[in-house]
C-alpha atoms as a PDB file:
ATOM      1  CA  MET A   1      55.928  82.928  80.955  1.00  0.00           C
ATOM      2  CA  LEU A   2      54.419  81.111  84.229  1.00  0.00           C
ATOM      3  CA  LYS A   3      55.425  83.310  87.222  1.00  0.00           C
ATOM      4  CA  ILE A   4      55.412  82.029  90.918  1.00  0.00           C
ATOM      5  CA  ARG A   5      53.656  84.385  93.611  1.00  0.00           C
ATOM      6  CA  LYS A   6      55.403  84.736  96.888  1.00  0.00           C
ATOM      7  CA  ASP A   7      52.552  83.347  98.873  1.00  0.00           C
ATOM      8  CA  GLN A   8      52.591  80.541  96.464  1.00  0.00           C
ATOM      9  CA  MET A   9      56.496  80.012  97.033  1.00  0.00           C
ATOM     10  CA  GLU A  10      56.263  80.162 100.959  1.00  0.00           C
ATOM     11  CA  ALA A  11      53.454  77.636 100.589  1.00  0.00           C
ATOM     12  CA  MET A  12      55.463  75.034  98.481  1.00  0.00           C
ATOM     13  CA  ASP A  13      58.375  75.755 101.394  1.00  0.00           C
ATOM     14  CA  GLN A  14      55.923  74.419 103.968  1.00  0.00           C
ATOM     15  CA  LEU A  15      54.794  71.604 101.874  1.00  0.00           C
ATOM     16  CA  ALA A  16      58.558  70.575 101.460  1.00  0.00           C
ATOM     17  CA  VAL A  17      59.619  71.210 105.167  1.00  0.00           C
ATOM     18  CA  LYS A  18      56.096  68.833 106.129  1.00  0.00           C
ATOM     19  CA  HIS A  19      57.150  66.112 103.741  1.00  0.00           C
ATOM     20  CA  PHE A  20      60.578  66.193 105.110  1.00  0.00           C
ATOM     21  CA  GLU A  21      59.122  66.323 108.721  1.00  0.00           C
ATOM     22  CA  GLU A  22      56.874  63.205 107.615  1.00  0.00           C
ATOM     23  CA  ARG A  23      60.084  61.393 105.987  1.00  0.00           C
ATOM     24  CA  THR A  24      62.518  61.875 109.104  1.00  0.00           C
ATOM     25  CA  THR A  25      59.573  60.661 111.515  1.00  0.00           C
ATOM     26  CA  GLU A  26      59.237  57.486 109.131  1.00  0.00           C
ATOM     27  CA  GLU A  27      62.897  57.030 109.472  1.00  0.00           C
ATOM     28  CA  LEU A  28      63.208  57.178 113.199  1.00  0.00           C
ATOM     29  CA  LYS A  29      60.578  54.507 113.549  1.00  0.00           C
ATOM     30  CA  GLN A  30      62.991  52.360 111.847  1.00  0.00           C
ATOM     31  CA  SER A  31      66.142  53.598 113.460  1.00  0.00           C
ATOM     32  CA  PHE A  32      64.736  53.872 116.890  1.00  0.00           C
ATOM     33  CA  PRO A  33      61.790  51.591 117.057  1.00  0.00           C
ATOM     34  CA  LYS A  34      62.011  51.242 120.733  1.00  0.00           C
ATOM     35  CA  HIS A  35      61.852  54.825 121.315  1.00  0.00           C
ATOM     36  CA  ALA A  36      58.979  55.425 118.693  1.00  0.00           C
ATOM     37  CA  ARG A  37      57.095  52.737 120.297  1.00  0.00           C
ATOM     38  CA  LEU A  38      56.968  54.216 123.987  1.00  0.00           C
ATOM     39  CA  LEU A  39      56.662  57.867 122.567  1.00  0.00           C
ATOM     40  CA  GLY A  40      53.758  57.199 120.182  1.00  0.00           C
ATOM     41  CA  GLU A  41      52.870  58.502 117.136  1.00  0.00           C
ATOM     42  CA  GLY A  42      52.000  61.989 118.194  1.00  0.00           C
ATOM     43  CA  LYS A  43      54.867  62.855 120.476  1.00  0.00           C
ATOM     44  CA  LEU A  44      57.149  61.280 117.901  1.00  0.00           C
ATOM     45  CA  ARG A  45      56.148  63.924 115.369  1.00  0.00           C
ATOM     46  CA  GLN A  46      56.394  66.666 117.886  1.00  0.00           C
ATOM     47  CA  ARG A  47      59.736  65.538 119.011  1.00  0.00           C
ATOM     48  CA  VAL A  48      60.909  65.657 115.230  1.00  0.00           C
ATOM     49  CA  ARG A  49      59.381  69.445 114.936  1.00  0.00           C
ATOM     50  CA  ASP A  50      60.889  70.561 118.153  1.00  0.00           C
ATOM     51  CA  GLY A  51      64.233  69.261 117.340  1.00  0.00           C
ATOM     52  CA  PHE A  52      64.205  70.825 113.480  1.00  0.00           C
ATOM     53  CA  ALA A  53      63.444  74.020 115.503  1.00  0.00           C
ATOM     54  CA  ARG A  54      66.359  73.790 118.019  1.00  0.00           C
ATOM     55  CA  ALA A  55      68.945  72.672 115.276  1.00  0.00           C
ATOM     56  CA  ARG A  56      67.850  75.975 113.232  1.00  0.00           C
ATOM     57  CA  ALA A  57      68.961  77.704 116.102  1.00  0.00           C
ATOM     58  CA  TYR A  58      72.101  76.448 115.722  1.00  0.00           C
ATOM     59  CA  GLY A  59      72.564  77.678 112.108  1.00  0.00           C
ATOM     60  CA  LEU A  60      71.558  74.153 111.074  1.00  0.00           C
ATOM     61  CA  SER A  61      69.504  74.147 107.917  1.00  0.00           C
ATOM     62  CA  SER A  62      70.479  71.308 105.705  1.00  0.00           C
ATOM     63  CA  ARG A  63      68.434  67.918 105.743  1.00  0.00           C
ATOM     64  CA  ASN A  64      71.923  66.173 107.223  1.00  0.00           C
ATOM     65  CA  GLY A  65      72.017  68.828 109.969  1.00  0.00           C
ATOM     66  CA  LEU A  66      68.328  68.706 110.964  1.00  0.00           C
ATOM     67  CA  ARG A  67      68.049  65.105 110.852  1.00  0.00           C
ATOM     68  CA  LEU A  68      71.321  64.510 112.925  1.00  0.00           C
ATOM     69  CA  PHE A  69      70.268  66.697 115.306  1.00  0.00           C
ATOM     70  CA  VAL A  70      66.962  65.073 116.188  1.00  0.00           C
ATOM     71  CA  GLU A  71      69.002  61.561 115.751  1.00  0.00           C
ATOM     72  CA  LEU A  72      71.320  62.802 118.635  1.00  0.00           C
ATOM     73  CA  ILE A  73      68.434  63.736 120.979  1.00  0.00           C
ATOM     74  CA  PHE A  74      67.459  59.930 120.895  1.00  0.00           C
ATOM     75  CA  LEU A  75      71.201  58.808 121.003  1.00  0.00           C
ATOM     76  CA  LEU A  76      72.647  61.210 123.639  1.00  0.00           C
ATOM     77  CA  GLY A  77      69.508  62.502 125.457  1.00  0.00           C
ATOM     78  CA  ASN A  78      66.766  65.690 124.954  1.00  0.00           C
ATOM     79  CA  SER A  79      69.310  67.953 126.134  1.00  0.00           C
ATOM     80  CA  PHE A  80      72.426  66.594 124.987  1.00  0.00           C
ATOM     81  CA  ASP A  81      73.325  70.409 123.568  1.00  0.00           C
ATOM     82  CA  THR A  82      73.626  71.634 127.272  1.00  0.00           C
ATOM     83  CA  ASP A  83      74.280  67.945 128.998  1.00  0.00           C
ATOM     84  CA  PRO A  84      77.877  68.571 130.529  1.00  0.00           C
ATOM     85  CA  GLN A  85      78.318  64.840 129.869  1.00  0.00           C
ATOM     86  CA  VAL A  86      78.560  65.499 126.326  1.00  0.00           C
ATOM     87  CA  SER A  87      80.092  69.007 126.486  1.00  0.00           C
ATOM     88  CA  TRP A  88      81.868  68.451 122.935  1.00  0.00           C
ATOM     89  CA  ALA A  89      78.181  68.638 120.995  1.00  0.00           C
ATOM     90  CA  ALA A  90      77.824  72.024 122.778  1.00  0.00           C
ATOM     91  CA  GLN A  91      81.464  73.139 121.670  1.00  0.00           C
ATOM     92  CA  ILE A  92      80.847  71.874 117.973  1.00  0.00           C
ATOM     93  CA  LEU A  93      77.208  73.409 117.669  1.00  0.00           C
ATOM     94  CA  ASN A  94      78.531  76.726 118.601  1.00  0.00           C
ATOM     95  CA  ASP A  95      81.669  76.858 116.685  1.00  0.00           C
ATOM     96  CA  SER A  96      81.312  80.043 114.853  1.00  0.00           C
ATOM     97  CA  ALA A  97      84.507  79.396 113.045  1.00  0.00           C
ATOM     98  CA  ALA A  98      83.093  76.275 111.116  1.00  0.00           C
ATOM     99  CA  ASP A  99      80.786  76.147 108.396  1.00  0.00           C
ATOM    100  CA  GLU A 100      77.490  73.589 108.794  1.00  0.00           C
ATOM    101  CA  ALA A 101      78.797  70.835 106.611  1.00  0.00           C
ATOM    102  CA  THR A 102      82.001  70.832 108.854  1.00  0.00           C
ATOM    103  CA  ARG A 103      80.183  70.729 111.903  1.00  0.00           C
ATOM    104  CA  VAL A 104      77.757  68.317 110.934  1.00  0.00           C
ATOM    105  CA  ASP A 105      80.371  66.004 109.968  1.00  0.00           C
ATOM    106  CA  ARG A 106      82.226  66.485 113.556  1.00  0.00           C
ATOM    107  CA  LEU A 107      78.862  65.828 115.419  1.00  0.00           C
ATOM    108  CA  PHE A 108      78.729  62.700 113.680  1.00  0.00           C
ATOM    109  CA  GLN A 109      82.260  61.396 113.707  1.00  0.00           C
ATOM    110  CA  LYS A 110      82.398  62.472 117.615  1.00  0.00           C
ATOM    111  CA  THR A 111      79.008  60.851 118.214  1.00  0.00           C
ATOM    112  CA  ALA A 112      80.229  57.484 116.440  1.00  0.00           C
ATOM    113  CA  ASP A 113      83.413  57.684 119.093  1.00  0.00           C
ATOM    114  CA  TYR A 114      81.088  58.162 121.962  1.00  0.00           C
ATOM    115  CA  LEU A 115      78.740  55.384 121.155  1.00  0.00           C
ATOM    116  CA  GLN A 116      81.788  52.838 120.426  1.00  0.00           C
ATOM    117  CA  ASN A 117      83.250  53.455 123.741  1.00  0.00           C
ATOM    118  CA  VAL A 118      80.217  54.258 125.973  1.00  0.00           C
ATOM    119  CA  CYS A 119      77.518  52.119 124.970  1.00  0.00           C
ATOM    120  CA  GLY A 120      80.048  49.491 123.770  1.00  0.00           C
ATOM    121  CA  PRO A 121      79.401  46.643 120.930  1.00  0.00           C
ATOM    122  CA  ASN A 122      75.603  45.934 120.491  1.00  0.00           C
ATOM    123  CA  GLY A 123      75.242  48.022 123.379  1.00  0.00           C
ATOM    124  CA  GLU A 124      76.755  45.843 126.125  1.00  0.00           C
ATOM    125  CA  HIS A 125      78.067  48.773 128.259  1.00  0.00           C
ATOM    126  CA  ILE A 126      74.932  50.268 128.251  1.00  0.00           C
ATOM    127  CA  ASN A 127      72.945  46.904 129.031  1.00  0.00           C
ATOM    128  CA  THR A 128      75.232  46.085 131.882  1.00  0.00           C
ATOM    129  CA  ALA A 129      74.574  49.498 133.509  1.00  0.00           C
ATOM    130  CA  LEU A 130      70.930  49.396 133.335  1.00  0.00           C
ATOM    131  CA  ALA A 131      71.052  45.640 134.715  1.00  0.00           C
ATOM    132  CA  LYS A 132      72.922  47.333 137.713  1.00  0.00           C
ATOM    133  CA  VAL A 133      70.069  49.786 138.027  1.00  0.00           C
ATOM    134  CA  ARG A 134      67.528  46.924 138.266  1.00  0.00           C
ATOM    135  CA  SER A 135      69.185  45.351 140.770  1.00  0.00           C
ATOM    136  CA  GLU A 136      70.538  47.989 143.087  1.00  0.00           C
ATOM    137  CA  ALA A 137      69.091  47.387 146.577  1.00  0.00           C
ATOM    138  CA  PRO A 138      67.554  50.275 148.750  1.00  0.00           C
ATOM    139  CA  GLU A 139      70.657  50.142 151.047  1.00  0.00           C
ATOM    140  CA  GLY A 140      72.888  50.925 147.783  1.00  0.00           C
ATOM    141  CA  PHE A 141      71.643  54.399 147.876  1.00  0.00           C
ATOM    142  CA  SER A 142      73.112  55.347 151.284  1.00  0.00           C
ATOM    143  CA  GLN A 143      76.091  57.281 151.801  1.00  0.00           C
ATOM    144  CA  SER A 144      77.236  55.116 154.939  1.00  0.00           C
ATOM    145  CA  GLY A 145      79.720  57.713 155.780  1.00  0.00           C
ATOM    146  CA  ALA A 146      81.566  57.565 152.447  1.00  0.00           C
ATOM    147  CA  GLY A 147      82.914  61.299 152.992  1.00  0.00           C
ATOM    148  CA  ARG A 148      82.068  64.276 150.807  1.00  0.00           C
ATOM    149  CA  PHE A 149      78.727  63.633 148.849  1.00  0.00           C
ATOM    150  CA  GLU A 150      80.254  64.406 145.447  1.00  0.00           C
ATOM    151  CA  ASP A 151      83.201  61.940 146.106  1.00  0.00           C
ATOM    152  CA  TYR A 152      80.771  59.551 147.159  1.00  0.00           C
ATOM    153  CA  MET A 153      78.448  60.280 143.938  1.00  0.00           C
ATOM    154  CA  LEU A 154      81.357  60.059 141.507  1.00  0.00           C
ATOM    155  CA  ARG A 155      82.219  56.590 143.431  1.00  0.00           C
ATOM    156  CA  ARG A 156      78.739  55.575 142.584  1.00  0.00           C
ATOM    157  CA  PHE A 157      79.243  56.526 138.730  1.00  0.00           C
ATOM    158  CA  TRP A 158      82.044  54.497 138.608  1.00  0.00           C
ATOM    159  CA  LEU A 159      80.434  51.424 140.026  1.00  0.00           C
ATOM    160  CA  LEU A 160      77.397  51.897 137.972  1.00  0.00           C
ATOM    161  CA  TYR A 161      78.789  52.600 134.653  1.00  0.00           C
ATOM    162  CA  PRO A 162      82.748  52.731 134.401  1.00  0.00           C
ATOM    163  CA  GLU A 163      83.117  53.103 130.713  1.00  0.00           C
ATOM    164  CA  LYS A 164      81.056  56.508 130.645  1.00  0.00           C
ATOM    165  CA  PHE A 165      82.937  57.367 133.555  1.00  0.00           C
ATOM    166  CA  ARG A 166      86.158  57.064 131.856  1.00  0.00           C
ATOM    167  CA  TYR A 167      84.876  58.523 128.733  1.00  0.00           C
ATOM    168  CA  VAL A 168      83.355  61.512 130.358  1.00  0.00           C
ATOM    169  CA  GLY A 169      85.592  62.485 132.575  1.00  0.00           C
ATOM    170  CA  ASP A 170      85.883  63.619 136.429  1.00  0.00           C
ATOM    171  CA  GLY A 171      85.535  67.328 135.757  1.00  0.00           C
ATOM    172  CA  ALA A 172      82.174  66.854 133.592  1.00  0.00           C
ATOM    173  CA  LEU A 173      80.677  64.783 136.240  1.00  0.00           C
ATOM    174  CA  ARG A 174      81.290  66.928 139.213  1.00  0.00           C
ATOM    175  CA  ARG A 175      79.488  69.626 136.988  1.00  0.00           C
ATOM    176  CA  LEU A 176      76.826  67.136 136.456  1.00  0.00           C
ATOM    177  CA  ILE A 177      76.312  66.800 140.017  1.00  0.00           C
ATOM    178  CA  GLU A 178      76.423  70.259 140.711  1.00  0.00           C
ATOM    179  CA  SER A 179      73.746  71.089 138.152  1.00  0.00           C
ATOM    180  CA  GLY A 180      71.394  68.038 139.645  1.00  0.00           C
ATOM    181  CA  LEU A 181      71.371  69.510 143.456  1.00  0.00           C
ATOM    182  CA  GLN A 182      68.983  72.369 143.003  1.00  0.00           C
ATOM    183  CA  PRO A 183      66.422  70.366 140.768  1.00  0.00           C
ATOM    184  CA  ALA A 184      66.474  67.980 143.624  1.00  0.00           C
ATOM    185  CA  ARG A 185      65.457  70.248 145.875  1.00  0.00           C
ATOM    186  CA  SER A 186      62.911  72.043 143.907  1.00  0.00           C
ATOM    187  CA  TYR A 187      61.385  68.648 143.413  1.00  0.00           C
ATOM    188  CA  GLY A 188      61.374  67.927 147.019  1.00  0.00           C
ATOM    189  CA  LEU A 189      63.703  65.169 146.973  1.00  0.00           C
ATOM    190  CA  ALA A 190      65.519  66.367 150.035  1.00  0.00           C
ATOM    191  CA  THR A 191      66.798  63.209 151.366  1.00  0.00           C
ATOM    192  CA  GLU A 192      70.182  61.385 150.578  1.00  0.00           C
ATOM    193  CA  ARG A 193      68.696  58.465 148.918  1.00  0.00           C
ATOM    194  CA  GLY A 194      66.389  60.974 146.678  1.00  0.00           C
ATOM    195  CA  VAL A 195      69.279  63.315 145.513  1.00  0.00           C
ATOM    196  CA  THR A 196      71.625  59.989 144.709  1.00  0.00           C
ATOM    197  CA  LEU A 197      68.496  58.478 142.722  1.00  0.00           C
ATOM    198  CA  LEU A 198      67.949  61.789 140.720  1.00  0.00           C
ATOM    199  CA  LEU A 199      71.641  62.120 140.024  1.00  0.00           C
ATOM    200  CA  ALA A 200      71.757  58.512 139.164  1.00  0.00           C
ATOM    201  CA  LEU A 201      69.186  58.908 136.401  1.00  0.00           C
ATOM    202  CA  MET A 202      70.863  62.022 135.182  1.00  0.00           C
ATOM    203  CA  PHE A 203      73.821  60.166 134.604  1.00  0.00           C
ATOM    204  CA  ILE A 204      72.070  57.137 132.735  1.00  0.00           C
ATOM    205  CA  LEU A 205      69.296  58.834 130.669  1.00  0.00           C
ATOM    206  CA  GLY A 206      70.874  62.389 130.200  1.00  0.00           C
ATOM    207  CA  SER A 207      71.017  65.492 132.568  1.00  0.00           C
ATOM    208  CA  GLY A 208      67.547  66.717 131.367  1.00  0.00           C
ATOM    209  CA  PHE A 209      65.928  63.383 131.420  1.00  0.00           C
ATOM    210  CA  ASP A 210      63.307  65.051 133.953  1.00  0.00           C
ATOM    211  CA  LYS A 211      61.954  67.125 130.862  1.00  0.00           C
ATOM    212  CA  ASP A 212      62.585  64.522 128.432  1.00  0.00           C
ATOM    213  CA  PRO A 213      59.068  63.297 126.565  1.00  0.00           C
ATOM    214  CA  GLN A 214      60.930  60.111 126.341  1.00  0.00           C
ATOM    215  CA  PHE A 215      60.718  59.644 130.064  1.00  0.00           C
ATOM    216  CA  ALA A 216      57.071  61.296 130.807  1.00  0.00           C
ATOM    217  CA  PHE A 217      57.211  59.306 133.856  1.00  0.00           C
ATOM    218  CA  ALA A 218      59.591  61.104 135.653  1.00  0.00           C
ATOM    219  CA  ALA A 219      57.780  64.671 135.285  1.00  0.00           C
ATOM    220  CA  LYS A 220      54.552  62.858 136.376  1.00  0.00           C
ATOM    221  CA  VAL A 221      56.276  61.488 139.700  1.00  0.00           C
ATOM    222  CA  LEU A 222      58.517  64.673 140.258  1.00  0.00           C
ATOM    223  CA  THR A 223      55.613  67.174 139.907  1.00  0.00           C
ATOM    224  CA  ASP A 224      53.011  64.996 141.974  1.00  0.00           C
ATOM    225  CA  ALA A 225      52.105  67.160 144.965  1.00  0.00           C
ATOM    226  CA  SER A 226      50.611  64.448 146.568  1.00  0.00           C
ATOM    227  CA  LEU A 227      54.135  62.562 147.128  1.00  0.00           C
ATOM    228  CA  ALA A 228      54.973  65.103 149.894  1.00  0.00           C
ATOM    229  CA  ASP A 229      57.167  62.514 151.462  1.00  0.00           C
ATOM    230  CA  PRO A 230      60.700  62.610 149.948  1.00  0.00           C
ATOM    231  CA  ASN A 231      61.427  58.819 150.521  1.00  0.00           C
ATOM    232  CA  GLN A 232      57.843  58.130 149.050  1.00  0.00           C
ATOM    233  CA  LYS A 233      58.681  60.256 145.943  1.00  0.00           C
ATOM    234  CA  ALA A 234      62.242  58.530 145.652  1.00  0.00           C
ATOM    235  CA  GLU A 235      60.456  55.251 146.019  1.00  0.00           C
ATOM    236  CA  ARG A 236      58.034  55.926 143.330  1.00  0.00           C
ATOM    237  CA  LEU A 237      60.525  57.280 140.627  1.00  0.00           C
ATOM    238  CA  LYS A 238      62.629  54.376 140.910  1.00  0.00           C
ATOM    239  CA  ALA A 239      59.675  51.881 140.568  1.00  0.00           C
ATOM    240  CA  GLU A 240      58.667  54.028 137.477  1.00  0.00           C
ATOM    241  CA  ALA A 241      62.000  54.215 135.930  1.00  0.00           C
ATOM    242  CA  LEU A 242      62.345  50.424 136.437  1.00  0.00           C
ATOM    243  CA  ALA A 243      59.064  49.703 135.062  1.00  0.00           C
ATOM    244  CA  TYR A 244      60.086  52.080 131.819  1.00  0.00           C
ATOM    245  CA  LEU A 245      63.231  49.861 131.739  1.00  0.00           C
ATOM    246  CA  ASP A 246      61.146  46.591 131.372  1.00  0.00           C
ATOM    247  CA  GLN A 247      59.123  47.823 128.507  1.00  0.00           C
ATOM    248  CA  TRP A 248      62.192  49.107 126.630  1.00  0.00           C
ATOM    249  CA  SER A 249      63.784  45.552 127.270  1.00  0.00           C
ATOM    250  CA  ALA A 250      60.524  43.921 126.195  1.00  0.00           C
END
């Protein structure tokens, strides 16, 4: 009788995992061609591996669960599982009373609803918001005596992307603003314009955009020690963000 040793079984398991990673990577190239192009082959494969590891930490081990988690990184942002704008994702992932299949199905259904309402048919809502980001004049970042900064930012969010504002809600966006103040200070964006810009990018690209490999320009600018002037850093961050969006639209 043929017997398979433990080390052989482990090698087979590793081979199956590697095959699934490669298959998922190829599928992502088809489903998210712009993401894949801008990331590049190496970073795309690393994102799949990292995504699988994060998914397993939530108890997801099925092929459907692992693949969906990685897809949500592309759809909702690298830090979607901790982003206050999509707090429903964390609630579902951390629901210990539900089995994996139930949680994966709920994640899929909720994401579909989110995309329909926030991105709109054929992405028309997000495209309109991105067009507003491109056309934003420098003076548009000034509070101009608008009252409390938090309320000012909420008005900015509403004007920039009303569909997302309505869906996410006032409370979650206030938590987003609060979560962005300390990073703005640590990055040296101490001016009103700098903080406003950072929060606007968190709102559009996801709360963890500054550590997202998809938006590598952000970490490059934000950690650049030569950009000591906060206004200069904010200007460079916006320029790099717009350049990225132009590539995205190409």
